[in-house]
């Protein structure tokens, strides 16, 4: 659905009430961000290869993050022979402690930058695998997710409108149903995303990893604490 089609759908949930255009698109993008920040969705996963690492770089040689950066998923370098070397994260406040450590990286979110620690013996291409943020929903644009899931935004907007902007006892009761309808699509989205990840792993779990709240393997001992959008 385009933004205008989403607005028509949402207003149909409001018994014919209309929402000011400016307010509607603010609420639509609040709903979009709310969903996107819940999880590293496969559809938002991308690879930035615009940065390089060179001999002479230090832990203070900063690289620019992409403008649509959400959060890092994986960082690795690839040399001219296609040899891959994976880097693990360390915190920005500990960057001096790890300045000489090999295969570490840190992110300076305030300056929209990141850096690799340790000495570099050769030039390599940096692969930053990250969750991107999708573009704002506007009248003629559509959400980055498949269209079959777009209605979830309408249900969330209707819930926010009836439970907040246009609150009364009747609307509050109807908002509960909109939340339940959104939950149906939310669970479908979670299953869709999980199935894509399982397919990548050939539907098998390997090794002795710990598992997150979605049943997917994570680094040993590192457990996800979900926000629980629809809980």
C-alpha atoms as a PDB file:
ATOM      1  CA  UNK A   1       0.000   0.000   0.000  1.00  0.00           C
ATOM      2  CA  UNK A   2       1.132   3.516  -0.712  1.00  0.00           C
ATOM      3  CA  UNK A   3       0.809   6.065   2.038  1.00  0.00           C
ATOM      4  CA  UNK A   4      -2.466   7.363   0.595  1.00  0.00           C
ATOM      5  CA  UNK A   5      -3.881   3.823   0.346  1.00  0.00           C
ATOM      6  CA  UNK A   6      -2.788   3.131   3.917  1.00  0.00           C
ATOM      7  CA  UNK A   7      -4.606   6.282   5.037  1.00  0.00           C
ATOM      8  CA  UNK A   8      -7.830   5.147   3.333  1.00  0.00           C
ATOM      9  CA  UNK A   9      -7.548   1.730   5.002  1.00  0.00           C
ATOM     10  CA  UNK A  10      -6.823   3.229   8.416  1.00  0.00           C
ATOM     11  CA  UNK A  11      -9.733   5.647   8.234  1.00  0.00           C
ATOM     12  CA  UNK A  12     -12.018   2.737   7.373  1.00  0.00           C
ATOM     13  CA  UNK A  13     -11.095   1.344  10.806  1.00  0.00           C
ATOM     14  CA  UNK A  14     -12.157   4.629  12.404  1.00  0.00           C
ATOM     15  CA  UNK A  15     -15.816   4.373  11.350  1.00  0.00           C
ATOM     16  CA  UNK A  16     -15.359   7.030   8.689  1.00  0.00           C
ATOM     17  CA  UNK A  17     -13.487   9.532  10.850  1.00  0.00           C
ATOM     18  CA  UNK A  18     -10.645  11.265   9.038  1.00  0.00           C
ATOM     19  CA  UNK A  19      -7.130  12.011  10.256  1.00  0.00           C
ATOM     20  CA  UNK A  20      -5.283  15.193   9.339  1.00  0.00           C
ATOM     21  CA  UNK A  21      -2.632  14.345   6.732  1.00  0.00           C
ATOM     22  CA  UNK A  22       0.290  15.617   8.811  1.00  0.00           C
ATOM     23  CA  UNK A  23      -0.851  13.721  11.900  1.00  0.00           C
ATOM     24  CA  UNK A  24      -1.482  10.553   9.913  1.00  0.00           C
ATOM     25  CA  UNK A  25       2.013  10.378   8.430  1.00  0.00           C
ATOM     26  CA  UNK A  26       3.595  11.133  11.792  1.00  0.00           C
ATOM     27  CA  UNK A  27       1.653   8.228  13.331  1.00  0.00           C
ATOM     28  CA  UNK A  28       2.428   5.984  10.333  1.00  0.00           C
ATOM     29  CA  UNK A  29       6.156   6.530  10.738  1.00  0.00           C
ATOM     30  CA  UNK A  30       5.983   6.079  14.499  1.00  0.00           C
ATOM     31  CA  UNK A  31       4.373   2.669  13.813  1.00  0.00           C
ATOM     32  CA  UNK A  32       7.010   1.893  11.158  1.00  0.00           C
ATOM     33  CA  UNK A  33       9.914   2.704  13.475  1.00  0.00           C
ATOM     34  CA  UNK A  34       8.280   0.835  16.334  1.00  0.00           C
ATOM     35  CA  UNK A  35       8.248  -2.356  14.280  1.00  0.00           C
ATOM     36  CA  UNK A  36      11.648  -1.967  12.628  1.00  0.00           C
ATOM     37  CA  UNK A  37      13.454  -1.426  15.928  1.00  0.00           C
ATOM     38  CA  UNK A  38      12.093  -4.656  17.383  1.00  0.00           C
ATOM     39  CA  UNK A  39      14.346  -6.999  15.437  1.00  0.00           C
ATOM     40  CA  UNK A  40      17.109  -7.285  12.831  1.00  0.00           C
ATOM     41  CA  UNK A  41      14.656  -8.069  10.052  1.00  0.00           C
ATOM     42  CA  UNK A  42      16.182  -9.912   7.096  1.00  0.00           C
ATOM     43  CA  UNK A  43      14.483  -7.579   4.637  1.00  0.00           C
ATOM     44  CA  UNK A  44      16.338  -4.616   6.159  1.00  0.00           C
ATOM     45  CA  UNK A  45      19.717  -6.377   6.224  1.00  0.00           C
ATOM     46  CA  UNK A  46      22.263  -4.906   3.820  1.00  0.00           C
ATOM     47  CA  UNK A  47      26.011  -4.689   3.154  1.00  0.00           C
ATOM     48  CA  UNK A  48      28.001  -1.450   2.912  1.00  0.00           C
ATOM     49  CA  UNK A  49      31.365  -1.797   1.140  1.00  0.00           C
ATOM     50  CA  UNK A  50      32.188   1.889   0.697  1.00  0.00           C
ATOM     51  CA  UNK A  51      34.957   1.897   3.331  1.00  0.00           C
ATOM     52  CA  UNK A  52      38.470   0.443   3.197  1.00  0.00           C
ATOM     53  CA  UNK A  53      41.148  -0.401   5.741  1.00  0.00           C
ATOM     54  CA  UNK A  54      44.755   0.467   4.918  1.00  0.00           C
ATOM     55  CA  UNK A  55      48.222  -0.023   6.437  1.00  0.00           C
ATOM     56  CA  UNK A  56      48.843   2.927   8.697  1.00  0.00           C
ATOM     57  CA  UNK A  57      45.255   3.066   9.928  1.00  0.00           C
ATOM     58  CA  UNK A  58      44.992   3.263  13.698  1.00  0.00           C
ATOM     59  CA  UNK A  59      42.102   2.726  16.093  1.00  0.00           C
ATOM     60  CA  UNK A  60      41.361   6.443  15.635  1.00  0.00           C
ATOM     61  CA  UNK A  61      41.097   6.244  11.835  1.00  0.00           C
ATOM     62  CA  UNK A  62      37.374   6.750  11.583  1.00  0.00           C
ATOM     63  CA  UNK A  63      35.120   5.410   8.821  1.00  0.00           C
ATOM     64  CA  UNK A  64      31.738   6.902   7.976  1.00  0.00           C
ATOM     65  CA  UNK A  65      28.572   4.951   8.731  1.00  0.00           C
ATOM     66  CA  UNK A  66      25.849   4.798   6.049  1.00  0.00           C
ATOM     67  CA  UNK A  67      23.160   7.464   6.349  1.00  0.00           C
ATOM     68  CA  UNK A  68      20.487   4.784   6.817  1.00  0.00           C
ATOM     69  CA  UNK A  69      22.438   2.905   9.514  1.00  0.00           C
ATOM     70  CA  UNK A  70      20.247   1.265  12.151  1.00  0.00           C
ATOM     71  CA  UNK A  71      22.602  -1.102  13.938  1.00  0.00           C
ATOM     72  CA  UNK A  72      25.553  -3.318  13.087  1.00  0.00           C
ATOM     73  CA  UNK A  73      25.014  -7.026  12.520  1.00  0.00           C
ATOM     74  CA  UNK A  74      28.465  -8.148  11.394  1.00  0.00           C
ATOM     75  CA  UNK A  75      31.759  -6.565  10.330  1.00  0.00           C
ATOM     76  CA  UNK A  76      34.468  -8.286   8.316  1.00  0.00           C
ATOM     77  CA  UNK A  77      37.248  -7.376   5.886  1.00  0.00           C
ATOM     78  CA  UNK A  78      38.066  -8.986   2.542  1.00  0.00           C
ATOM     79  CA  UNK A  79      41.488  -8.749   0.889  1.00  0.00           C
ATOM     80  CA  UNK A  80      42.428  -8.926  -2.801  1.00  0.00           C
ATOM     81  CA  UNK A  81      42.419 -12.733  -2.631  1.00  0.00           C
ATOM     82  CA  UNK A  82      38.881 -12.765  -1.165  1.00  0.00           C
ATOM     83  CA  UNK A  83      40.115 -13.888   2.247  1.00  0.00           C
ATOM     84  CA  UNK A  84      37.637 -12.881   4.929  1.00  0.00           C
ATOM     85  CA  UNK A  85      38.535 -11.760   8.447  1.00  0.00           C
ATOM     86  CA  UNK A  86      35.705 -11.156  10.918  1.00  0.00           C
ATOM     87  CA  UNK A  87      35.806  -8.382  13.529  1.00  0.00           C
ATOM     88  CA  UNK A  88      34.027  -8.431  16.873  1.00  0.00           C
ATOM     89  CA  UNK A  89      32.541  -5.367  18.593  1.00  0.00           C
ATOM     90  CA  UNK A  90      33.913  -3.507  21.571  1.00  0.00           C
ATOM     91  CA  UNK A  91      32.313  -0.503  23.216  1.00  0.00           C
ATOM     92  CA  UNK A  92      33.125   3.084  22.310  1.00  0.00           C
ATOM     93  CA  UNK A  93      34.156   3.854  25.892  1.00  0.00           C
ATOM     94  CA  UNK A  94      36.656   0.936  25.849  1.00  0.00           C
ATOM     95  CA  UNK A  95      38.266   1.877  22.520  1.00  0.00           C
ATOM     96  CA  UNK A  96      41.615   2.766  24.136  1.00  0.00           C
ATOM     97  CA  UNK A  97      41.734  -0.522  25.995  1.00  0.00           C
ATOM     98  CA  UNK A  98      41.309  -2.349  22.677  1.00  0.00           C
ATOM     99  CA  UNK A  99      43.425   0.002  20.530  1.00  0.00           C
ATOM    100  CA  UNK A 100      46.053  -2.666  19.776  1.00  0.00           C
ATOM    101  CA  UNK A 101      43.676  -5.629  19.758  1.00  0.00           C
ATOM    102  CA  UNK A 102      43.233  -7.370  16.438  1.00  0.00           C
ATOM    103  CA  UNK A 103      39.835  -8.015  14.878  1.00  0.00           C
ATOM    104  CA  UNK A 104      37.817  -5.558  16.952  1.00  0.00           C
ATOM    105  CA  UNK A 105      35.657  -2.623  15.923  1.00  0.00           C
ATOM    106  CA  UNK A 106      33.713   0.083  17.734  1.00  0.00           C
ATOM    107  CA  UNK A 107      31.012   2.546  16.735  1.00  0.00           C
ATOM    108  CA  UNK A 108      30.799   6.249  17.548  1.00  0.00           C
ATOM    109  CA  UNK A 109      27.085   6.808  17.023  1.00  0.00           C
ATOM    110  CA  UNK A 110      27.240  10.451  18.004  1.00  0.00           C
ATOM    111  CA  UNK A 111      29.523  11.202  15.045  1.00  0.00           C
ATOM    112  CA  UNK A 112      28.070   8.532  12.752  1.00  0.00           C
ATOM    113  CA  UNK A 113      31.441   6.787  12.493  1.00  0.00           C
ATOM    114  CA  UNK A 114      33.173   3.499  13.247  1.00  0.00           C
ATOM    115  CA  UNK A 115      36.756   2.258  13.403  1.00  0.00           C
ATOM    116  CA  UNK A 116      38.784  -0.942  13.409  1.00  0.00           C
ATOM    117  CA  UNK A 117      41.382  -1.536  16.116  1.00  0.00           C
ATOM    118  CA  UNK A 118      44.847  -3.079  15.802  1.00  0.00           C
ATOM    119  CA  UNK A 119      47.523  -2.837  13.111  1.00  0.00           C
ATOM    120  CA  UNK A 120      46.747  -3.402   9.444  1.00  0.00           C
ATOM    121  CA  UNK A 121      49.261  -5.216   7.241  1.00  0.00           C
ATOM    122  CA  UNK A 122      47.446  -4.749   3.932  1.00  0.00           C
ATOM    123  CA  UNK A 123      44.582  -2.923   2.288  1.00  0.00           C
ATOM    124  CA  UNK A 124      41.177  -4.538   2.555  1.00  0.00           C
ATOM    125  CA  UNK A 125      37.552  -3.778   1.824  1.00  0.00           C
ATOM    126  CA  UNK A 126      35.405  -3.383   4.934  1.00  0.00           C
ATOM    127  CA  UNK A 127      32.051  -5.140   4.811  1.00  0.00           C
ATOM    128  CA  UNK A 128      29.596  -3.596   7.257  1.00  0.00           C
ATOM    129  CA  UNK A 129      26.519  -5.794   7.477  1.00  0.00           C
ATOM    130  CA  UNK A 130      23.823  -3.753   9.127  1.00  0.00           C
ATOM    131  CA  UNK A 131      20.107  -3.249   9.612  1.00  0.00           C
ATOM    132  CA  UNK A 132      19.112  -0.230   7.615  1.00  0.00           C
ATOM    133  CA  UNK A 133      16.323   2.173   8.482  1.00  0.00           C
ATOM    134  CA  UNK A 134      13.665   2.376   5.802  1.00  0.00           C
ATOM    135  CA  UNK A 135      12.543   5.652   4.248  1.00  0.00           C
ATOM    136  CA  UNK A 136       9.649   7.570   5.758  1.00  0.00           C
ATOM    137  CA  UNK A 137       6.207   6.614   4.511  1.00  0.00           C
ATOM    138  CA  UNK A 138       4.664   9.433   2.473  1.00  0.00           C
ATOM    139  CA  UNK A 139       1.591   9.816   0.298  1.00  0.00           C
ATOM    140  CA  UNK A 140       3.118   8.208  -2.801  1.00  0.00           C
ATOM    141  CA  UNK A 141       5.624   5.855  -1.178  1.00  0.00           C
ATOM    142  CA  UNK A 142       5.284   2.404   0.352  1.00  0.00           C
ATOM    143  CA  UNK A 143       6.831   0.667   3.343  1.00  0.00           C
ATOM    144  CA  UNK A 144       9.878  -1.503   2.604  1.00  0.00           C
ATOM    145  CA  UNK A 145       8.126  -4.638   3.895  1.00  0.00           C
ATOM    146  CA  UNK A 146       5.983  -6.891   1.644  1.00  0.00           C
ATOM    147  CA  UNK A 147       2.546  -5.422   0.947  1.00  0.00           C
ATOM    148  CA  UNK A 148       0.791  -8.342   2.655  1.00  0.00           C
ATOM    149  CA  UNK A 149       2.039  -6.955   5.987  1.00  0.00           C
ATOM    150  CA  UNK A 150       1.220  -3.279   5.424  1.00  0.00           C
ATOM    151  CA  UNK A 151      -2.151  -3.494   7.173  1.00  0.00           C
ATOM    152  CA  UNK A 152      -0.341  -3.880  10.510  1.00  0.00           C
ATOM    153  CA  UNK A 153       0.550  -0.194  10.285  1.00  0.00           C
ATOM    154  CA  UNK A 154      -3.114   0.712   9.851  1.00  0.00           C
ATOM    155  CA  UNK A 155      -4.139  -1.336  12.893  1.00  0.00           C
ATOM    156  CA  UNK A 156      -1.408   0.256  15.027  1.00  0.00           C
ATOM    157  CA  UNK A 157      -2.318   3.775  13.845  1.00  0.00           C
ATOM    158  CA  UNK A 158      -6.001   3.116  14.576  1.00  0.00           C
ATOM    159  CA  UNK A 159      -5.088   1.856  18.040  1.00  0.00           C
ATOM    160  CA  UNK A 160      -2.947   4.922  18.763  1.00  0.00           C
ATOM    161  CA  UNK A 161      -5.689   7.227  17.498  1.00  0.00           C
ATOM    162  CA  UNK A 162      -8.559   5.635  19.411  1.00  0.00           C
ATOM    163  CA  UNK A 163      -6.624   5.032  22.616  1.00  0.00           C
ATOM    164  CA  UNK A 164      -4.923   8.427  22.634  1.00  0.00           C
ATOM    165  CA  UNK A 165      -5.746  11.158  20.124  1.00  0.00           C
ATOM    166  CA  UNK A 166      -9.513  10.530  20.105  1.00  0.00           C
ATOM    167  CA  UNK A 167      -9.888   8.740  23.419  1.00  0.00           C
ATOM    168  CA  UNK A 168     -13.253   7.861  24.896  1.00  0.00           C
ATOM    169  CA  UNK A 169     -14.582   4.681  26.481  1.00  0.00           C
ATOM    170  CA  UNK A 170     -15.955   3.250  23.236  1.00  0.00           C
ATOM    171  CA  UNK A 171     -12.805   3.990  21.260  1.00  0.00           C
ATOM    172  CA  UNK A 172     -10.655   2.527  24.025  1.00  0.00           C
ATOM    173  CA  UNK A 173     -12.541  -0.780  23.737  1.00  0.00           C
ATOM    174  CA  UNK A 174     -12.202  -0.768  19.938  1.00  0.00           C
ATOM    175  CA  UNK A 175      -8.471  -0.066  20.269  1.00  0.00           C
ATOM    176  CA  UNK A 176      -8.092  -3.394  22.059  1.00  0.00           C
ATOM    177  CA  UNK A 177      -9.440  -5.193  18.991  1.00  0.00           C
ATOM    178  CA  UNK A 178      -7.124  -3.244  16.669  1.00  0.00           C
ATOM    179  CA  UNK A 179      -4.207  -4.358  18.835  1.00  0.00           C
ATOM    180  CA  UNK A 180      -5.368  -7.965  18.556  1.00  0.00           C
ATOM    181  CA  UNK A 181      -5.644  -7.646  14.762  1.00  0.00           C
ATOM    182  CA  UNK A 182      -2.139  -6.178  14.605  1.00  0.00           C
ATOM    183  CA  UNK A 183      -0.838  -9.070  16.697  1.00  0.00           C
ATOM    184  CA  UNK A 184      -2.045 -11.566  14.083  1.00  0.00           C
ATOM    185  CA  UNK A 185       0.073  -9.891  11.413  1.00  0.00           C
ATOM    186  CA  UNK A 186       2.951  -9.387  13.840  1.00  0.00           C
ATOM    187  CA  UNK A 187       3.134 -13.121  14.509  1.00  0.00           C
ATOM    188  CA  UNK A 188       3.014 -13.821  10.766  1.00  0.00           C
ATOM    189  CA  UNK A 189       5.876 -11.381  10.201  1.00  0.00           C
ATOM    190  CA  UNK A 190       7.941 -13.043  12.908  1.00  0.00           C
ATOM    191  CA  UNK A 191       7.360 -16.487  11.387  1.00  0.00           C
ATOM    192  CA  UNK A 192       8.230 -15.200   7.898  1.00  0.00           C
ATOM    193  CA  UNK A 193      11.483 -13.673   9.138  1.00  0.00           C
ATOM    194  CA  UNK A 194      12.419 -16.708  11.231  1.00  0.00           C
ATOM    195  CA  UNK A 195      11.768 -19.083   8.327  1.00  0.00           C
ATOM    196  CA  UNK A 196      14.114 -17.093   6.088  1.00  0.00           C
ATOM    197  CA  UNK A 197      16.848 -17.347   8.707  1.00  0.00           C
ATOM    198  CA  UNK A 198      16.304 -21.074   9.190  1.00  0.00           C
ATOM    199  CA  UNK A 199      16.478 -21.559   5.433  1.00  0.00           C
ATOM    200  CA  UNK A 200      19.885 -19.869   5.398  1.00  0.00           C
ATOM    201  CA  UNK A 201      21.047 -22.377   8.017  1.00  0.00           C
ATOM    202  CA  UNK A 202      19.567 -25.295   6.056  1.00  0.00           C
ATOM    203  CA  UNK A 203      16.889 -25.621   8.745  1.00  0.00           C
ATOM    204  CA  UNK A 204      19.475 -26.829  11.242  1.00  0.00           C
ATOM    205  CA  UNK A 205      21.097 -25.458  14.384  1.00  0.00           C
ATOM    206  CA  UNK A 206      24.794 -26.134  14.565  1.00  0.00           C
ATOM    207  CA  UNK A 207      27.321 -26.153  17.394  1.00  0.00           C
ATOM    208  CA  UNK A 208      26.566 -25.350  20.997  1.00  0.00           C
ATOM    209  CA  UNK A 209      25.220 -21.821  20.654  1.00  0.00           C
ATOM    210  CA  UNK A 210      22.764 -20.213  23.010  1.00  0.00           C
ATOM    211  CA  UNK A 211      19.379 -19.349  21.550  1.00  0.00           C
ATOM    212  CA  UNK A 212      17.476 -16.073  21.562  1.00  0.00           C
ATOM    213  CA  UNK A 213      13.784 -15.499  22.256  1.00  0.00           C
ATOM    214  CA  UNK A 214      12.908 -16.336  18.647  1.00  0.00           C
ATOM    215  CA  UNK A 215      14.657 -19.699  18.831  1.00  0.00           C
ATOM    216  CA  UNK A 216      17.613 -18.593  16.720  1.00  0.00           C
ATOM    217  CA  UNK A 217      21.260 -19.224  17.650  1.00  0.00           C
ATOM    218  CA  UNK A 218      23.323 -16.406  19.125  1.00  0.00           C
ATOM    219  CA  UNK A 219      26.880 -16.257  20.403  1.00  0.00           C
ATOM    220  CA  UNK A 220      27.243 -18.427  23.485  1.00  0.00           C
ATOM    221  CA  UNK A 221      25.912 -16.786  26.599  1.00  0.00           C
ATOM    222  CA  UNK A 222      24.455 -13.773  24.791  1.00  0.00           C
ATOM    223  CA  UNK A 223      20.678 -13.789  25.146  1.00  0.00           C
ATOM    224  CA  UNK A 224      18.292 -11.377  23.492  1.00  0.00           C
ATOM    225  CA  UNK A 225      15.842  -9.474  25.649  1.00  0.00           C
ATOM    226  CA  UNK A 226      12.952  -8.617  23.318  1.00  0.00           C
ATOM    227  CA  UNK A 227      10.903  -5.474  23.719  1.00  0.00           C
ATOM    228  CA  UNK A 228       7.766  -7.447  22.953  1.00  0.00           C
ATOM    229  CA  UNK A 229       5.944  -5.043  20.673  1.00  0.00           C
ATOM    230  CA  UNK A 230       2.771  -7.090  20.623  1.00  0.00           C
ATOM    231  CA  UNK A 231       3.151  -8.880  23.946  1.00  0.00           C
END
